[in-house]
Amino acid sequence: MFLAFAPKVKAQQSSTVPTTPTLLWKYTFSSGGVSSPAVSNGIVYVVGNRVVNALNAANGAKIWNYKTGGQVFSSPAVIDGVVYVGSGIDVYAINASNGNELWYDETFADVLVPPTVVNDVVYVGSSDYKVYALFANNGSELWGFTTGGYVDSSPAVVNGVVYVGSFDDNVYALKASSGAKLWNYTTGWAVWSSPAVVDGVVYFSSYDGNVYALNATNGDKLWNYTTGGNVIPSPNIVGGVILSPDVVGGVVYVGSFNDNVYALNATNGNKLWNYTTGGNVLPPAVAGGVVYACSNDGSLYALNATNGNKLWNYFIGSNVGSPAVVNGVIYADGGNNVYALGSPTSSSSQPTSSPSPTSSNALVIVIEVVFVVIIVAAAIFLMFKKRLKTEPPLLWVSL
């Protein structure tokens, strides 16, 4: 798990989810932390030990990897066949199918968050206190806006407006075309959360322990809910255009560093339910009436989205991230591993396997299997040949 969290994307959600967790595959990295996975077009993109990896979503086999020039703190973002990721002071654009570098652009400090790409423009925050807009085709700078602190929040871009948080305790609304400030709202502490914008409302959380809802047009506060603990993770909205527009009556799902998952009424901020885990809770994913949340107690939890009752939990190890749910399969990271969990009927279901980071072990296994097959075939052939010398085949006798 890295401290920067992957933004919630509708494409990573699915209405078909497993009722019980079954390990489909696990991929283990040799060292270093593992980012939260991003899933697109049957490929799982994940970063481990300064390397961007592309894994087959069905079986976990490695397709390609790309080594960056610095430490990678953020999860990748995948848009229109391109993987965007921050590494050290650089932002990279990588071909999603083959791992070839398309371009990289240098900022002036570490990029700790996943970029956001809208209308061929890459929006990304940096530790040099700035929000950048880069042209997606070559990485050249369109504009930069300076805040008063680190920008470790992934921007949300809706209707020509960029919404982003800063360690200067503010959320900003910027004009997407020029970076001009439209408004800002000041909280009680750093805003690490990536905002979610639904039906004209900006939802985000602050390190002051509150979840906020603001008018997207002018920044006026509609409500706030105090969790009682630091809230870094990004809120996840159900009931609006981000996740599930078919749901009537919006619900905000958010994890908190007081070990809880919260469900809040999106209209007034009233708490609907909360569920207590044994550790800090990362941003949840919501699919098929189930909330999936990873906790730093080492478990992935599946909760009933209506009442918060636990359906099951699955131990994935320490240093967890935020899960993604695609085609009935849950992809999550824990320790140095990436897990794919599902049910036997999941579209990506394959026999449980643990692919190696290299192909050498797999080659050894194939050679061993081929050798055994040859030995067995040779033994059968010799036995059959000996029988032909001692007695006529039964078929000839019957004739």
Protein backbone atom coordinates (compact mmCIF):
# COMPACT_ATOMS: atom_id res chain seq x y z
CA MET A 1 0.00 0.00 0.00
CA PHE A 2 1.18 3.48 -0.83
CA LEU A 3 -0.05 6.57 0.98
CA ALA A 4 -1.62 7.95 -2.17
CA PHE A 5 -4.88 6.27 -3.04
CA ALA A 6 -6.38 5.38 -6.38
CA PRO A 7 -9.38 7.50 -7.34
CA LYS A 8 -12.70 5.70 -7.61
CA VAL A 9 -13.70 5.09 -11.21
CA LYS A 10 -17.03 3.79 -12.45
CA ALA A 11 -15.28 1.40 -14.83
CA GLN A 12 -13.79 -0.42 -11.83
CA GLN A 13 -17.19 -1.36 -10.43
CA SER A 14 -19.38 -4.37 -11.19
CA SER A 15 -22.89 -5.51 -10.30
CA THR A 16 -21.86 -9.17 -10.05
CA VAL A 17 -19.86 -9.92 -6.93
CA PRO A 18 -18.82 -13.07 -5.04
CA THR A 19 -20.91 -14.06 -2.03
CA THR A 20 -17.92 -15.81 -0.47
CA PRO A 21 -14.22 -15.12 -1.07
CA THR A 22 -12.31 -17.62 -3.20
CA LEU A 23 -8.65 -17.03 -4.06
CA LEU A 24 -8.37 -17.05 -7.85
CA TRP A 25 -4.70 -16.06 -7.96
CA LYS A 26 -1.97 -14.23 -6.07
CA TYR A 27 1.06 -12.42 -7.47
CA THR A 28 4.03 -11.88 -5.16
CA PHE A 29 6.67 -9.18 -5.59
CA SER A 30 10.19 -9.84 -4.37
CA SER A 31 10.42 -6.65 -2.31
CA GLY A 32 8.97 -3.21 -1.77
CA GLY A 33 5.41 -2.04 -1.23
CA VAL A 34 2.60 -2.59 -3.69
CA SER A 35 0.21 0.09 -4.91
CA SER A 36 -3.56 -0.18 -5.05
CA PRO A 37 -4.46 -1.92 -8.33
CA ALA A 38 -6.07 -0.28 -11.35
CA VAL A 39 -7.97 -2.59 -13.73
CA SER A 40 -8.72 -1.90 -17.39
CA ASN A 41 -9.53 -4.13 -20.38
CA GLY A 42 -8.58 -7.38 -18.68
CA ILE A 43 -5.28 -6.11 -17.29
CA VAL A 44 -4.34 -5.31 -13.68
CA TYR A 45 -1.86 -2.45 -13.37
CA VAL A 46 0.07 -2.25 -10.12
CA VAL A 47 3.32 -0.67 -8.97
CA GLY A 48 5.91 -2.41 -6.82
CA ASN A 49 9.53 -1.49 -6.03
CA ARG A 50 9.80 1.33 -8.64
CA VAL A 51 8.35 -0.89 -11.36
CA VAL A 52 5.00 -0.53 -13.12
CA ASN A 53 3.57 -4.01 -13.78
CA ALA A 54 0.81 -5.23 -16.07
CA LEU A 55 -0.77 -8.56 -15.03
CA ASN A 56 -3.34 -10.72 -16.77
CA ALA A 57 -6.57 -10.16 -14.82
CA ALA A 58 -7.69 -13.76 -15.39
CA ASN A 59 -4.65 -15.60 -13.99
CA GLY A 60 -2.13 -13.05 -12.69
CA ALA A 61 0.53 -13.80 -15.32
CA LYS A 62 2.89 -10.92 -15.99
CA ILE A 63 2.40 -9.24 -19.38
CA TRP A 64 5.04 -6.51 -19.11
CA ASN A 65 6.82 -4.26 -16.65
CA TYR A 66 8.41 -0.82 -16.84
CA LYS A 67 11.08 0.48 -14.48
CA THR A 68 10.78 4.15 -13.61
CA GLY A 69 13.57 6.49 -12.61
CA GLY A 70 12.48 7.02 -9.02
CA GLN A 71 10.40 5.78 -6.13
CA VAL A 72 6.72 5.37 -7.00
CA PHE A 73 4.32 6.45 -4.28
CA SER A 74 1.06 6.56 -6.23
CA SER A 75 -1.20 4.06 -7.91
CA PRO A 76 -1.41 4.12 -11.71
CA ALA A 77 -4.27 5.72 -13.64
CA VAL A 78 -5.30 4.08 -16.93
CA ILE A 79 -7.14 6.13 -19.54
CA ASP A 80 -7.60 5.50 -23.29
CA GLY A 81 -4.86 2.89 -23.54
CA VAL A 82 -2.28 4.87 -21.57
CA VAL A 83 -0.95 4.28 -18.04
CA TYR A 84 -0.11 7.49 -16.14
CA VAL A 85 1.94 7.32 -12.96
CA GLY A 86 4.07 9.60 -10.81
CA SER A 87 7.61 8.51 -9.95
CA GLY A 88 9.94 10.73 -7.96
CA ILE A 89 9.60 14.17 -9.53
CA ASP A 90 8.38 12.79 -12.87
CA VAL A 91 5.03 11.95 -14.43
CA TYR A 92 5.17 9.04 -16.90
CA ALA A 93 2.87 8.07 -19.76
CA ILE A 94 3.24 4.39 -20.74
CA ASN A 95 1.55 2.39 -23.48
CA ALA A 96 -0.96 0.18 -21.65
CA SER A 97 -0.65 -2.77 -24.07
CA ASN A 98 3.13 -3.20 -24.32
CA GLY A 99 4.72 -1.05 -21.60
CA ASN A 100 6.60 1.26 -23.97
CA GLU A 101 7.30 4.75 -22.65
CA LEU A 102 5.37 7.47 -24.48
CA TRP A 103 6.72 10.47 -22.55
CA TYR A 104 7.66 11.75 -19.11
CA ASP A 105 7.51 15.24 -17.65
CA GLU A 106 9.54 16.59 -14.75
CA THR A 107 7.93 18.59 -11.97
CA PHE A 108 9.88 20.21 -9.14
CA ALA A 109 9.04 17.80 -6.32
CA ASP A 110 7.67 14.31 -5.65
CA VAL A 111 4.41 13.29 -7.30
CA LEU A 112 2.61 11.23 -4.66
CA VAL A 113 -0.87 10.87 -6.18
CA PRO A 114 -2.46 9.26 -9.24
CA PRO A 115 -3.05 11.71 -12.09
CA THR A 116 -6.52 12.44 -13.47
CA VAL A 117 -7.00 12.56 -17.26
CA VAL A 118 -9.96 14.40 -18.82
CA ASN A 119 -10.34 15.67 -22.40
CA ASP A 120 -6.71 14.92 -23.30
CA VAL A 121 -5.32 16.85 -20.33
CA VAL A 122 -3.46 15.27 -17.38
CA TYR A 123 -4.17 16.93 -14.02
CA VAL A 124 -1.79 16.04 -11.18
CA GLY A 125 -0.71 17.37 -7.79
CA SER A 126 2.89 17.68 -6.62
CA SER A 127 4.83 18.18 -3.40
CA ASP A 128 6.06 21.53 -4.75
CA TYR A 129 2.63 22.89 -3.64
CA LYS A 130 1.34 23.01 -7.21
CA VAL A 131 -1.43 21.51 -9.32
CA TYR A 132 -0.33 20.89 -12.90
CA ALA A 133 -2.27 20.53 -16.15
CA LEU A 134 -0.24 18.71 -18.83
CA PHE A 135 -1.11 17.91 -22.44
CA ALA A 136 -1.78 14.16 -22.59
CA ASN A 137 -0.11 13.69 -25.99
CA ASN A 138 3.36 14.94 -25.02
CA GLY A 139 3.42 15.97 -21.34
CA SER A 140 4.06 19.65 -21.97
CA GLU A 141 2.63 22.04 -19.37
CA LEU A 142 -0.68 23.78 -19.99
CA TRP A 143 -0.78 25.59 -16.65
CA GLY A 144 0.22 25.36 -12.99
CA PHE A 145 -1.56 26.64 -9.87
CA THR A 146 0.29 27.19 -6.59
CA THR A 147 -1.38 26.35 -3.28
CA GLY A 148 0.05 26.86 0.21
CA GLY A 149 1.03 23.24 0.87
CA TYR A 150 1.73 19.81 -0.56
CA VAL A 151 -0.88 18.67 -3.09
CA ASP A 152 -1.30 14.97 -2.27
CA SER A 153 -4.88 14.84 -3.53
CA SER A 154 -5.89 13.47 -6.93
CA PRO A 155 -7.90 16.15 -8.73
CA ALA A 156 -11.53 15.60 -9.72
CA VAL A 157 -12.51 17.27 -12.99
CA VAL A 158 -16.22 17.85 -13.64
CA ASN A 159 -17.93 20.28 -16.02
CA GLY A 160 -14.76 22.22 -16.76
CA VAL A 161 -13.77 22.63 -13.09
CA VAL A 162 -10.82 21.03 -11.24
CA TYR A 163 -11.48 20.21 -7.57
CA VAL A 164 -8.41 19.39 -5.49
CA GLY A 165 -7.26 19.35 -1.87
CA SER A 166 -4.03 20.70 -0.37
CA PHE A 167 -2.03 20.40 2.83
CA ASP A 168 -2.72 24.10 3.37
CA ASP A 169 -6.11 22.91 4.75
CA ASN A 170 -8.05 23.99 1.64
CA VAL A 171 -10.09 22.51 -1.16
CA TYR A 172 -9.80 24.49 -4.39
CA ALA A 173 -12.04 24.85 -7.43
CA LEU A 174 -9.99 25.85 -10.49
CA LYS A 175 -10.96 26.56 -14.07
CA ALA A 176 -9.82 23.49 -16.02
CA SER A 177 -8.76 25.45 -19.10
CA SER A 178 -6.56 28.03 -17.35
CA GLY A 179 -6.06 27.10 -13.69
CA ALA A 180 -7.74 30.30 -12.51
CA LYS A 181 -9.15 29.98 -8.97
CA LEU A 182 -12.94 30.00 -8.75
CA TRP A 183 -13.19 29.46 -4.98
CA ASN A 184 -11.57 27.72 -2.02
CA TYR A 185 -12.90 26.30 1.24
CA THR A 186 -10.77 26.09 4.41
CA THR A 187 -11.05 23.10 6.77
CA GLY A 188 -9.41 22.54 10.14
CA TRP A 189 -6.39 20.60 8.84
CA ALA A 190 -4.75 19.14 5.74
CA VAL A 191 -6.95 17.82 2.92
CA TRP A 192 -5.38 14.58 1.71
CA SER A 193 -8.62 13.25 0.29
CA SER A 194 -9.44 13.26 -3.41
CA PRO A 195 -12.84 14.93 -3.88
CA ALA A 196 -15.86 13.22 -5.41
CA VAL A 197 -18.34 15.42 -7.29
CA VAL A 198 -21.94 14.25 -7.66
CA ASP A 199 -25.03 16.21 -8.68
CA GLY A 200 -23.46 19.61 -8.00
CA VAL A 201 -21.99 18.63 -4.62
CA VAL A 202 -18.31 18.20 -3.73
CA TYR A 203 -17.69 15.46 -1.15
CA PHE A 204 -14.30 15.14 0.51
CA SER A 205 -12.70 14.36 3.86
CA SER A 206 -10.08 16.22 5.91
CA TYR A 207 -7.42 15.28 8.40
CA ASP A 208 -9.46 17.31 10.91
CA GLY A 209 -11.72 14.25 11.21
CA ASN A 210 -14.63 15.55 9.12
CA VAL A 211 -16.39 14.55 5.93
CA TYR A 212 -17.61 17.65 4.06
CA ALA A 213 -20.24 18.37 1.42
CA LEU A 214 -19.88 21.69 -0.46
CA ASN A 215 -21.87 23.42 -3.17
CA ALA A 216 -19.80 22.76 -6.31
CA THR A 217 -20.62 26.16 -7.81
CA ASN A 218 -19.59 28.49 -4.98
CA GLY A 219 -17.98 26.33 -2.29
CA ASP A 220 -20.61 26.98 0.37
CA LYS A 221 -20.75 24.25 3.02
CA LEU A 222 -23.88 22.11 2.92
CA TRP A 223 -22.95 19.85 5.83
CA ASN A 224 -20.09 18.12 7.62
CA TYR A 225 -19.93 14.93 9.65
CA THR A 226 -17.34 14.39 12.40
CA THR A 227 -15.97 10.85 12.54
CA GLY A 228 -13.79 11.32 15.60
CA GLY A 229 -10.64 10.25 13.79
CA ASN A 230 -8.37 11.50 11.03
CA VAL A 231 -10.05 10.98 7.66
CA ILE A 232 -7.54 10.71 4.83
CA PRO A 233 -9.24 8.32 2.40
CA SER A 234 -11.39 9.60 -0.43
CA PRO A 235 -15.16 9.27 -0.07
CA ASN A 236 -17.03 6.93 -2.37
CA ILE A 237 -20.45 8.02 -3.53
CA VAL A 238 -23.35 5.76 -4.45
CA GLY A 239 -26.58 7.25 -5.74
CA GLY A 240 -25.06 9.71 -8.20
CA VAL A 241 -23.25 9.76 -11.52
CA ILE A 242 -19.91 8.50 -10.20
CA LEU A 243 -20.91 5.00 -9.27
CA SER A 244 -24.53 3.91 -9.51
CA PRO A 245 -27.06 6.36 -10.96
CA ASP A 246 -29.79 3.72 -10.58
CA VAL A 247 -29.71 3.98 -6.78
CA VAL A 248 -32.35 6.30 -5.31
CA GLY A 249 -31.17 8.37 -2.36
CA GLY A 250 -27.39 8.90 -2.35
CA VAL A 251 -25.07 7.37 0.20
CA VAL A 252 -21.48 8.44 0.95
CA TYR A 253 -19.15 5.59 1.93
CA VAL A 254 -15.86 6.57 3.54
CA GLY A 255 -13.07 4.93 5.52
CA SER A 256 -11.53 6.60 8.55
CA PHE A 257 -8.32 6.35 10.51
CA ASN A 258 -10.39 5.65 13.61
CA ASP A 259 -10.78 2.08 12.24
CA ASN A 260 -14.34 2.60 10.92
CA VAL A 261 -16.24 2.44 7.65
CA TYR A 262 -19.07 4.99 7.52
CA ALA A 263 -22.21 5.24 5.42
CA LEU A 264 -23.65 8.77 5.37
CA ASN A 265 -26.76 10.24 3.81
CA ALA A 266 -25.44 12.29 0.87
CA THR A 267 -28.14 14.93 1.25
CA ASN A 268 -27.74 15.88 4.91
CA GLY A 269 -24.69 13.98 6.21
CA ASN A 270 -26.62 11.91 8.74
CA LYS A 271 -24.93 8.65 9.65
CA LEU A 272 -26.72 5.58 8.36
CA TRP A 273 -24.30 3.07 9.85
CA ASN A 274 -20.68 2.42 10.71
CA TYR A 275 -18.62 -0.74 10.99
CA THR A 276 -15.53 -0.99 13.21
CA THR A 277 -12.47 -2.93 12.02
CA GLY A 278 -9.18 -3.49 13.81
CA GLY A 279 -7.16 -0.83 11.96
CA ASN A 280 -7.15 2.24 9.73
CA VAL A 281 -9.57 1.88 6.81
CA LEU A 282 -8.62 2.76 3.24
CA PRO A 283 -11.06 4.05 0.56
CA PRO A 284 -13.80 1.46 -0.07
CA ALA A 285 -15.18 0.14 -3.33
CA VAL A 286 -18.92 -0.45 -3.77
CA ALA A 287 -20.45 -3.04 -6.11
CA GLY A 288 -23.66 -5.06 -6.18
CA GLY A 289 -24.91 -3.82 -2.81
CA VAL A 290 -21.64 -4.69 -1.09
CA VAL A 291 -18.99 -2.37 0.37
CA TYR A 292 -15.45 -3.72 0.08
CA ALA A 293 -12.93 -2.07 2.41
CA CYS A 294 -9.35 -2.92 3.33
CA SER A 295 -8.17 -2.31 6.89
CA ASN A 296 -4.68 -2.13 8.30
CA ASP A 297 -5.64 -4.98 10.59
CA GLY A 298 -4.74 -7.01 7.48
CA SER A 299 -8.23 -7.92 6.30
CA LEU A 300 -10.44 -7.16 3.33
CA TYR A 301 -14.03 -6.73 4.54
CA ALA A 302 -17.27 -7.24 2.63
CA LEU A 303 -20.15 -5.32 4.22
CA ASN A 304 -23.83 -5.10 3.40
CA ALA A 305 -24.18 -1.64 1.82
CA THR A 306 -27.65 -1.12 3.31
CA ASN A 307 -26.98 -1.85 6.98
CA GLY A 308 -23.21 -2.36 7.35
CA ASN A 309 -23.46 -5.98 8.50
CA LYS A 310 -20.30 -8.00 7.82
CA LEU A 311 -20.74 -10.60 5.11
CA TRP A 312 -17.18 -11.92 5.30
CA ASN A 313 -13.55 -10.90 5.71
CA TYR A 314 -10.40 -12.27 4.10
CA PHE A 315 -6.86 -11.83 5.45
CA ILE A 316 -4.49 -10.31 2.87
CA GLY A 317 -1.67 -9.05 5.13
CA SER A 318 -0.30 -5.73 6.30
CA ASN A 319 0.07 -2.47 4.35
CA VAL A 320 -3.18 -2.78 2.47
CA GLY A 321 -4.54 -0.43 -0.18
CA SER A 322 -7.87 0.30 -1.82
CA PRO A 323 -9.62 -2.55 -3.70
CA ALA A 324 -11.04 -2.57 -7.22
CA VAL A 325 -14.05 -4.69 -8.26
CA VAL A 326 -14.37 -5.71 -11.92
CA ASN A 327 -16.54 -8.42 -13.49
CA GLY A 328 -17.25 -10.04 -10.14
CA VAL A 329 -13.58 -10.21 -9.13
CA ILE A 330 -12.05 -8.21 -6.26
CA TYR A 331 -8.46 -7.08 -6.77
CA ALA A 332 -6.63 -5.98 -3.62
CA ASP A 333 -3.08 -5.51 -2.38
CA GLY A 334 -1.55 -6.54 0.92
CA GLY A 335 2.10 -6.74 1.89
CA ASN A 336 4.08 -7.60 -1.26
CA ASN A 337 1.11 -9.36 -2.86
CA VAL A 338 -1.73 -8.62 -5.24
CA TYR A 339 -4.81 -10.82 -4.76
CA ALA A 340 -7.69 -11.69 -7.06
CA LEU A 341 -10.74 -12.94 -5.13
CA GLY A 342 -14.00 -14.11 -6.62
CA SER A 343 -16.45 -16.97 -6.89
CA PRO A 344 -16.22 -20.10 -9.05
CA THR A 345 -18.65 -18.49 -11.51
CA SER A 346 -16.70 -15.22 -11.86
CA SER A 347 -15.89 -14.40 -15.48
CA SER A 348 -12.19 -14.18 -14.65
CA SER A 349 -12.19 -17.35 -12.57
CA GLN A 350 -9.24 -19.65 -13.07
CA PRO A 351 -7.76 -22.41 -10.92
CA THR A 352 -6.00 -20.93 -7.89
CA SER A 353 -2.39 -20.13 -8.74
CA SER A 354 0.52 -18.10 -7.44
CA PRO A 355 2.45 -16.74 -10.44
CA SER A 356 6.10 -15.93 -9.89
CA PRO A 357 7.53 -12.49 -10.64
CA THR A 358 9.71 -14.22 -13.25
CA SER A 359 8.97 -16.93 -15.78
CA SER A 360 11.82 -19.23 -14.67
CA ASN A 361 9.76 -21.17 -12.10
CA ALA A 362 6.93 -21.61 -14.58
CA LEU A 363 9.39 -22.97 -17.18
CA VAL A 364 10.76 -25.48 -14.67
CA ILE A 365 7.23 -26.69 -13.91
CA VAL A 366 6.43 -27.11 -17.62
CA ILE A 367 9.64 -29.09 -18.22
CA GLU A 368 8.90 -31.36 -15.26
CA VAL A 369 5.36 -32.05 -16.49
CA VAL A 370 6.59 -32.81 -20.04
CA PHE A 371 9.26 -35.15 -18.66
CA VAL A 372 6.71 -37.10 -16.62
CA VAL A 373 4.39 -37.42 -19.62
CA ILE A 374 7.24 -38.77 -21.78
CA ILE A 375 8.23 -41.36 -19.13
CA VAL A 376 4.63 -42.57 -18.72
CA ALA A 377 4.10 -42.76 -22.49
CA ALA A 378 7.33 -44.73 -22.96
CA ALA A 379 6.34 -47.21 -20.23
CA ILE A 380 2.92 -47.79 -21.80
CA PHE A 381 4.50 -48.27 -25.23
CA LEU A 382 6.99 -50.88 -23.95
CA MET A 383 4.28 -52.78 -22.10
CA PHE A 384 2.08 -52.83 -25.20
CA LYS A 385 4.99 -53.96 -27.43
CA LYS A 386 5.83 -56.84 -25.08
CA ARG A 387 2.23 -57.96 -25.06
CA LEU A 388 2.13 -58.06 -28.86
CA LYS A 389 5.10 -60.49 -28.85
CA THR A 390 3.51 -62.92 -26.36
CA GLU A 391 -0.11 -63.07 -27.53
CA PRO A 392 -2.33 -61.81 -30.35
CA PRO A 393 -4.44 -58.75 -29.67
CA LEU A 394 -7.91 -59.45 -28.36
CA LEU A 395 -9.41 -57.78 -31.41
CA TRP A 396 -7.71 -60.30 -33.71
CA VAL A 397 -8.95 -63.19 -31.58
CA SER A 398 -12.51 -61.98 -31.85
CA LEU A 399 -12.22 -61.95 -35.59
